[in-house]
Amino acid sequence: MLIVFITGATGFIGRALCVKMLKKKWKVKAAIRKESDIDVLPAGVEGISSDSIENCNFCDLDLTDVDVV
């Protein structure tokens, strides 16, 4: 199974991309800011939270299993 890491997954385009990738049987990991509404994420998306994108906490993540960012 291929794995994609998506930023902006709670936004209009990000949600649509999550849905498309899930339909293609990809595993979806998503960058989620603490102030974002995670209830809008499609079922099956693994959310990874952070204080903010600006803090660049995601740079410290181990994404070695991710095929596409």
Protein backbone atom coordinates (compact mmCIF):
# COMPACT_ATOMS: atom_id res chain seq x y z
CA MET A 1 0.00 0.00 0.00
CA LEU A 2 1.34 3.41 -0.95
CA ILE A 3 1.39 6.19 1.66
CA VAL A 4 0.84 9.90 1.04
CA PHE A 5 1.46 12.76 3.50
CA ILE A 6 -0.86 15.72 2.89
CA THR A 7 -0.67 19.21 4.36
CA GLY A 8 -3.84 21.28 4.39
CA ALA A 9 -6.03 18.19 4.71
CA THR A 10 -8.82 20.07 6.54
CA GLY A 11 -9.13 22.62 3.74
CA PHE A 12 -11.33 22.40 0.65
CA ILE A 13 -8.68 21.07 -1.73
CA GLY A 14 -6.87 18.99 0.91
CA ARG A 15 -10.08 17.14 1.88
CA ALA A 16 -10.83 16.42 -1.77
CA LEU A 17 -7.30 15.10 -2.25
CA CYS A 18 -7.64 12.88 0.84
CA VAL A 19 -10.87 11.39 -0.51
CA LYS A 20 -9.32 10.77 -3.94
CA MET A 21 -6.26 9.06 -2.47
CA LEU A 22 -8.37 6.90 -0.13
CA LYS A 23 -10.50 5.78 -3.10
CA LYS A 24 -7.26 4.76 -4.83
CA LYS A 25 -6.49 2.61 -1.74
CA TRP A 26 -3.58 4.80 -0.56
CA LYS A 27 -2.90 5.21 3.14
CA VAL A 28 -3.28 8.92 3.97
CA LYS A 29 -1.36 10.75 6.68
CA ALA A 30 -2.26 14.40 7.20
CA ALA A 31 -0.62 17.38 8.86
CA ILE A 32 -3.17 18.96 11.20
CA ARG A 33 -2.78 22.25 13.06
CA LYS A 34 -4.13 22.21 16.62
CA GLU A 35 -6.69 24.91 15.77
CA SER A 36 -8.04 22.94 12.79
CA ASP A 37 -11.36 21.09 12.92
CA ILE A 38 -10.34 17.43 12.64
CA ASP A 39 -13.98 16.40 12.35
CA VAL A 40 -13.86 17.40 8.67
CA LEU A 41 -11.21 14.79 7.87
CA PRO A 42 -12.51 11.85 5.86
CA ALA A 43 -12.66 8.53 7.70
CA GLY A 44 -9.41 6.63 7.37
CA VAL A 45 -7.08 9.64 7.42
CA GLU A 46 -4.35 9.51 10.07
CA GLY A 47 -3.95 13.01 11.48
CA ILE A 48 -0.60 14.22 12.81
CA SER A 49 -1.01 17.36 14.90
CA SER A 50 1.37 20.27 15.41
CA ASP A 51 1.33 23.74 16.97
CA SER A 52 1.53 25.35 13.53
CA ILE A 53 3.06 24.84 10.12
CA GLU A 54 5.27 27.88 10.78
CA ASN A 55 7.01 26.09 13.66
CA CYS A 56 8.04 23.40 11.16
CA ASN A 57 7.51 20.56 13.64
CA PHE A 58 6.78 18.38 10.63
CA CYS A 59 10.42 18.64 9.58
CA ASP A 60 11.27 16.47 12.58
CA LEU A 61 8.81 13.71 11.66
CA ASP A 62 10.03 10.34 10.49
CA LEU A 63 8.40 10.13 7.07
CA THR A 64 10.60 7.34 5.77
CA ASP A 65 7.53 5.16 5.16
CA VAL A 66 5.81 7.89 3.11
CA ASP A 67 5.93 7.52 -0.67
CA VAL A 68 4.59 10.96 -1.66
CA VAL A 69 4.38 14.34 0.10
